[in-house]
């Protein structure tokens, strides 16, 4: 039985379309590989640019900036073996340090716990001082990861120039204070978690599901525990929703409400700490 011209043309069309469908998968994989390679390149650039923060002569120079000696070297909870849990449940706000010149005036237990890990994981040198070079390396690694996450987040949002933005974030001198100053670990650590929370939120919007939402809330909570200034994260999510010209429905508000709740709790905690230990002047001595 011979085929009609219409049947032959349809069959040929199917044959021609088959390679095109198969070509989609390699293209997608290639895009993923390119994104990963770009993210790694940005991270390497950040690590290279900030070499002076961890590569200078620690035998000749102190390795600390301003109040690093009080906030990191002389914090009794960071030095103690049981400090890992006391940082969370008995933070001892107020004056710390041998000179009494710095103050633990806020509840940032995750940042302080990371210092405790540095101290007990990297140990001390022959001089008896902590391994400050390793601590500086941790700060730079966090910054490098943040730069890569900036690129990946913007790329996922289809923002033009995502790679350039990630590279600028990696090498811009405005970030030097947060990276090279040990005490400012709170900045790079909170940024790390808030960027991950943004990635999780985008996956939640794309796929739905309680797991992605719970992951967003958990990562945001970790960011708050690193530095309370990340309270604005839900506001950023609301602005992104508005920028996409989507209406603020009851469903949208229900999604954002728990995140705003976390911000409220963290904000009130900061107000209590600052009012009790900063306003009366008890946290500063001469």
Protein backbone atom coordinates (compact mmCIF):
# COMPACT_ATOMS: atom_id res chain seq x y z
CA UNK A 1 0.00 0.00 0.00
CA UNK A 2 1.55 3.25 -1.11
CA UNK A 3 1.55 6.34 1.08
CA UNK A 4 -0.18 9.49 -0.01
CA UNK A 5 1.85 12.70 -0.45
CA UNK A 6 0.33 14.11 2.74
CA UNK A 7 1.43 11.08 4.78
CA UNK A 8 4.98 11.30 3.39
CA UNK A 9 5.24 15.00 4.16
CA UNK A 10 4.04 14.48 7.75
CA UNK A 11 6.56 11.65 8.25
CA UNK A 12 9.39 13.78 6.88
CA UNK A 13 8.36 16.64 9.15
CA UNK A 14 8.54 14.32 12.18
CA UNK A 15 12.02 13.14 11.13
CA UNK A 16 13.22 16.71 10.73
CA UNK A 17 11.84 17.74 14.10
CA UNK A 18 13.36 14.84 16.05
CA UNK A 19 16.98 16.11 16.03
CA UNK A 20 15.76 19.56 17.07
CA UNK A 21 14.04 18.14 20.18
CA UNK A 22 17.09 16.11 21.11
CA UNK A 23 19.32 19.16 20.74
CA UNK A 24 17.48 20.93 23.56
CA UNK A 25 18.95 18.70 26.27
CA UNK A 26 22.62 19.26 25.42
CA UNK A 27 22.00 22.99 25.12
CA UNK A 28 20.47 23.05 28.61
CA UNK A 29 23.38 21.10 30.04
CA UNK A 30 25.82 23.40 28.31
CA UNK A 31 24.09 26.41 29.86
CA UNK A 32 24.39 24.81 33.30
CA UNK A 33 28.06 24.08 32.76
CA UNK A 34 28.68 27.64 31.57
CA UNK A 35 26.90 29.05 34.63
CA UNK A 36 28.94 26.85 36.96
CA UNK A 37 32.18 27.78 35.19
CA UNK A 38 31.34 31.48 35.38
CA UNK A 39 30.48 31.22 39.07
CA UNK A 40 33.78 29.44 39.78
CA UNK A 41 35.72 32.06 37.79
CA UNK A 42 34.07 34.89 39.76
CA UNK A 43 34.88 33.15 43.05
CA UNK A 44 38.51 32.66 41.99
CA UNK A 45 38.74 36.34 41.04
CA UNK A 46 37.48 37.35 44.48
CA UNK A 47 39.91 35.02 46.21
CA UNK A 48 42.81 36.37 44.15
CA UNK A 49 41.95 40.05 44.62
CA UNK A 50 41.71 39.63 48.40
CA UNK A 51 45.03 37.84 48.69
CA UNK A 52 46.46 40.68 50.83
CA UNK A 53 43.84 39.87 53.50
CA UNK A 54 45.25 36.39 54.12
CA UNK A 55 48.61 36.31 52.35
CA UNK A 56 50.66 38.96 54.13
CA UNK A 57 53.41 38.32 56.68
CA UNK A 58 51.56 37.36 59.87
CA UNK A 59 54.89 37.02 61.70
CA UNK A 60 55.66 40.71 61.21
CA UNK A 61 52.16 42.19 61.42
CA UNK A 62 49.42 41.72 63.95
CA UNK A 63 46.69 40.43 61.63
CA UNK A 64 43.90 42.24 63.44
CA UNK A 65 42.02 45.47 62.69
CA UNK A 66 40.84 47.99 65.30
CA UNK A 67 38.69 45.96 67.77
CA UNK A 68 39.39 42.46 66.43
CA UNK A 69 41.48 41.85 69.54
CA UNK A 70 38.46 42.46 71.77
CA UNK A 71 35.73 40.89 69.66
CA UNK A 72 37.72 37.86 68.58
CA UNK A 73 40.93 37.37 70.57
CA UNK A 74 39.64 38.27 74.02
CA UNK A 75 35.99 37.21 73.95
CA UNK A 76 35.72 34.81 76.92
CA UNK A 77 33.00 32.72 75.31
CA UNK A 78 35.00 32.21 72.12
CA UNK A 79 37.97 31.13 74.22
CA UNK A 80 36.06 28.72 76.46
CA UNK A 81 35.35 25.09 75.64
CA UNK A 82 31.66 25.39 76.53
CA UNK A 83 31.26 28.68 74.72
CA UNK A 84 29.51 27.03 71.77
CA UNK A 85 26.26 26.72 73.72
CA UNK A 86 26.71 29.70 76.05
CA UNK A 87 26.91 31.95 72.97
CA UNK A 88 23.32 30.94 72.22
CA UNK A 89 21.79 30.68 75.69
CA UNK A 90 24.04 32.84 77.88
CA UNK A 91 25.55 35.40 75.49
CA UNK A 92 26.78 37.72 78.26
CA UNK A 93 26.06 40.97 76.40
CA UNK A 94 27.96 44.03 77.44
CA UNK A 95 31.66 44.68 77.74
CA UNK A 96 34.11 42.05 76.51
CA UNK A 97 37.84 42.11 75.92
CA UNK A 98 40.83 42.83 78.08
CA UNK A 99 40.67 46.58 77.55
CA UNK A 100 36.90 46.89 77.83
CA UNK A 101 36.82 48.81 74.59
CA UNK A 102 34.33 46.71 72.66
CA UNK A 103 30.85 45.45 73.37
CA UNK A 104 28.72 42.47 72.46
CA UNK A 105 25.62 44.58 72.14
CA UNK A 106 23.48 42.45 69.86
CA UNK A 107 22.32 38.88 69.52
CA UNK A 108 24.28 37.46 66.57
CA UNK A 109 25.00 33.95 67.85
CA UNK A 110 25.72 32.38 64.47
CA UNK A 111 28.55 34.82 63.73
CA UNK A 112 29.98 34.39 67.21
CA UNK A 113 29.70 30.61 66.89
CA UNK A 114 31.68 30.75 63.65
CA UNK A 115 34.45 32.52 65.58
CA UNK A 116 34.30 29.79 68.22
CA UNK A 117 34.69 27.18 65.48
CA UNK A 118 37.65 29.04 64.01
CA UNK A 119 39.39 29.18 67.36
CA UNK A 120 38.90 25.51 68.21
CA UNK A 121 39.23 24.11 64.70
CA UNK A 122 42.36 25.97 63.58
CA UNK A 123 44.05 26.05 66.98
CA UNK A 124 46.82 28.39 68.06
CA UNK A 125 50.31 29.08 66.80
CA UNK A 126 53.60 28.62 68.67
CA UNK A 127 53.30 32.20 69.94
CA UNK A 128 50.02 31.32 71.63
CA UNK A 129 47.93 33.48 69.31
CA UNK A 130 45.05 32.00 67.31
CA UNK A 131 45.60 31.09 63.68
CA UNK A 132 44.48 34.43 62.28
CA UNK A 133 45.45 33.55 58.73
CA UNK A 134 42.91 30.73 58.66
CA UNK A 135 40.24 33.06 60.03
CA UNK A 136 40.97 35.58 57.28
CA UNK A 137 40.78 32.78 54.70
CA UNK A 138 37.29 31.88 55.95
CA UNK A 139 36.15 35.49 55.47
CA UNK A 140 37.53 35.56 51.93
CA UNK A 141 35.98 32.18 51.06
CA UNK A 142 32.59 33.44 52.24
CA UNK A 143 32.97 36.58 50.14
CA UNK A 144 33.98 34.55 47.09
CA UNK A 145 30.92 32.36 47.56
CA UNK A 146 28.73 35.44 47.88
CA UNK A 147 30.06 36.86 44.62
CA UNK A 148 29.26 33.60 42.84
CA UNK A 149 25.78 33.55 44.39
CA UNK A 150 25.12 37.13 43.23
CA UNK A 151 25.78 35.99 39.67
CA UNK A 152 23.69 32.81 39.99
CA UNK A 153 20.78 34.65 41.60
CA UNK A 154 20.70 37.38 38.97
CA UNK A 155 21.04 34.83 36.17
CA UNK A 156 18.10 32.88 37.55
CA UNK A 157 16.12 36.13 37.56
CA UNK A 158 17.19 36.68 33.92
CA UNK A 159 18.83 40.00 34.75
CA UNK A 160 21.11 41.18 31.91
CA UNK A 161 24.78 41.49 32.85
CA UNK A 162 24.58 39.01 35.72
CA UNK A 163 28.20 37.91 35.25
CA UNK A 164 29.45 41.51 35.26
CA UNK A 165 27.47 42.26 38.41
CA UNK A 166 28.90 39.21 40.15
CA UNK A 167 32.44 40.18 39.13
CA UNK A 168 31.99 43.76 40.32
CA UNK A 169 30.71 42.49 43.64
CA UNK A 170 33.75 40.22 43.86
CA UNK A 171 36.41 42.87 43.30
CA UNK A 172 34.83 46.18 44.32
CA UNK A 173 36.75 47.91 47.14
CA UNK A 174 33.55 48.76 49.01
CA UNK A 175 33.57 45.18 50.30
CA UNK A 176 37.09 45.36 51.73
CA UNK A 177 35.95 46.32 55.23
CA UNK A 178 33.58 43.37 55.48
CA UNK A 179 36.13 40.88 54.14
CA UNK A 180 39.45 41.98 55.67
CA UNK A 181 38.12 42.93 59.11
CA UNK A 182 37.64 39.80 61.19
CA UNK A 183 34.92 41.35 63.35
CA UNK A 184 32.86 42.04 60.23
CA UNK A 185 32.39 38.32 59.62
CA UNK A 186 28.75 39.08 60.35
CA UNK A 187 28.44 40.88 57.01
CA UNK A 188 29.80 38.15 54.74
CA UNK A 189 28.09 35.38 56.72
CA UNK A 190 24.65 36.99 56.76
CA UNK A 191 24.97 37.86 53.06
CA UNK A 192 25.79 34.22 52.29
CA UNK A 193 22.59 32.96 53.89
CA UNK A 194 20.34 35.72 52.59
CA UNK A 195 21.50 35.04 49.01
CA UNK A 196 20.82 31.34 49.49
CA UNK A 197 17.39 32.26 50.85
CA UNK A 198 16.76 34.27 47.69
CA UNK A 199 17.69 31.27 45.55
CA UNK A 200 15.36 29.04 47.57
CA UNK A 201 12.53 31.58 47.23
CA UNK A 202 12.87 31.61 43.45
CA UNK A 203 12.71 27.81 43.38
CA UNK A 204 9.61 28.00 45.56
CA UNK A 205 7.94 30.39 43.12
CA UNK A 206 8.85 28.15 40.19
CA UNK A 207 8.01 24.75 41.68
CA UNK A 208 5.92 25.40 44.76
CA UNK A 209 5.94 22.98 47.66
CA UNK A 210 6.37 23.39 51.37
CA UNK A 211 9.95 22.09 51.35
CA UNK A 212 11.30 25.02 49.33
CA UNK A 213 9.35 27.49 51.45
CA UNK A 214 10.64 25.93 54.67
CA UNK A 215 14.17 26.08 53.26
CA UNK A 216 13.71 29.79 52.48
CA UNK A 217 12.53 30.49 56.03
CA UNK A 218 15.39 28.47 57.56
CA UNK A 219 18.06 30.21 55.50
CA UNK A 220 16.55 33.60 56.31
CA UNK A 221 16.57 32.73 60.02
CA UNK A 222 20.27 31.82 59.78
CA UNK A 223 20.92 35.16 58.09
CA UNK A 224 19.16 36.96 60.95
CA UNK A 225 21.21 35.03 63.50
CA UNK A 226 24.36 36.16 61.70
CA UNK A 227 23.32 39.83 61.51
CA UNK A 228 19.96 41.39 62.23
CA UNK A 229 20.28 43.93 59.41
CA UNK A 230 18.93 41.26 57.05
CA UNK A 231 15.43 41.99 58.41
CA UNK A 232 14.74 43.75 55.10
CA UNK A 233 14.76 40.48 53.14
CA UNK A 234 10.93 40.10 53.10
CA UNK A 235 10.64 43.70 51.91
CA UNK A 236 12.95 42.86 49.00
CA UNK A 237 10.76 39.87 48.14
CA UNK A 238 7.67 42.11 48.18
CA UNK A 239 9.41 44.61 45.89
CA UNK A 240 10.36 41.81 43.49
CA UNK A 241 6.73 40.71 43.46
CA UNK A 242 5.67 44.28 42.65
CA UNK A 243 8.35 44.60 39.95
CA UNK A 244 6.89 41.56 38.20
CA UNK A 245 3.56 43.44 38.03
CA UNK A 246 1.82 40.72 40.01
CA UNK A 247 -1.12 41.61 42.27
CA UNK A 248 -0.76 41.37 46.04
CA UNK A 249 -3.37 38.75 46.79
CA UNK A 250 -4.22 37.11 50.10
CA UNK A 251 -2.06 34.16 49.03
CA UNK A 252 0.92 36.46 48.53
CA UNK A 253 0.49 38.05 51.94
CA UNK A 254 0.16 34.64 53.61
CA UNK A 255 3.43 33.57 52.01
CA UNK A 256 5.28 36.68 53.17
CA UNK A 257 3.73 36.94 56.65
CA UNK A 258 5.94 34.31 58.39
CA UNK A 259 9.07 35.92 56.98
CA UNK A 260 7.97 39.33 58.23
CA UNK A 261 7.31 37.62 61.56
CA UNK A 262 10.91 36.47 61.75
CA UNK A 263 12.04 39.99 60.96
CA UNK A 264 9.84 41.39 63.71
CA UNK A 265 11.22 39.00 66.33
CA UNK A 266 14.81 39.71 65.30
CA UNK A 267 14.18 43.47 65.28
CA UNK A 268 12.62 43.47 68.74
CA UNK A 269 15.54 41.40 70.05
CA UNK A 270 18.00 43.95 68.69
CA UNK A 271 16.06 46.84 70.21
CA UNK A 272 16.05 45.15 73.62
CA UNK A 273 19.77 44.42 73.52
CA UNK A 274 20.72 47.88 72.31
CA UNK A 275 18.43 49.71 74.73
CA UNK A 276 19.61 47.68 77.71
CA UNK A 277 23.33 47.57 77.00
CA UNK A 278 24.08 50.57 74.79
CA UNK A 279 21.71 53.40 75.71
CA UNK A 280 22.65 53.55 79.42
CA UNK A 281 26.31 53.70 78.46
CA UNK A 282 27.25 50.51 80.31
CA UNK A 283 28.80 48.92 77.25
CA UNK A 284 31.56 51.50 76.83
CA UNK A 285 34.29 52.25 79.29
CA UNK A 286 37.41 54.39 79.29
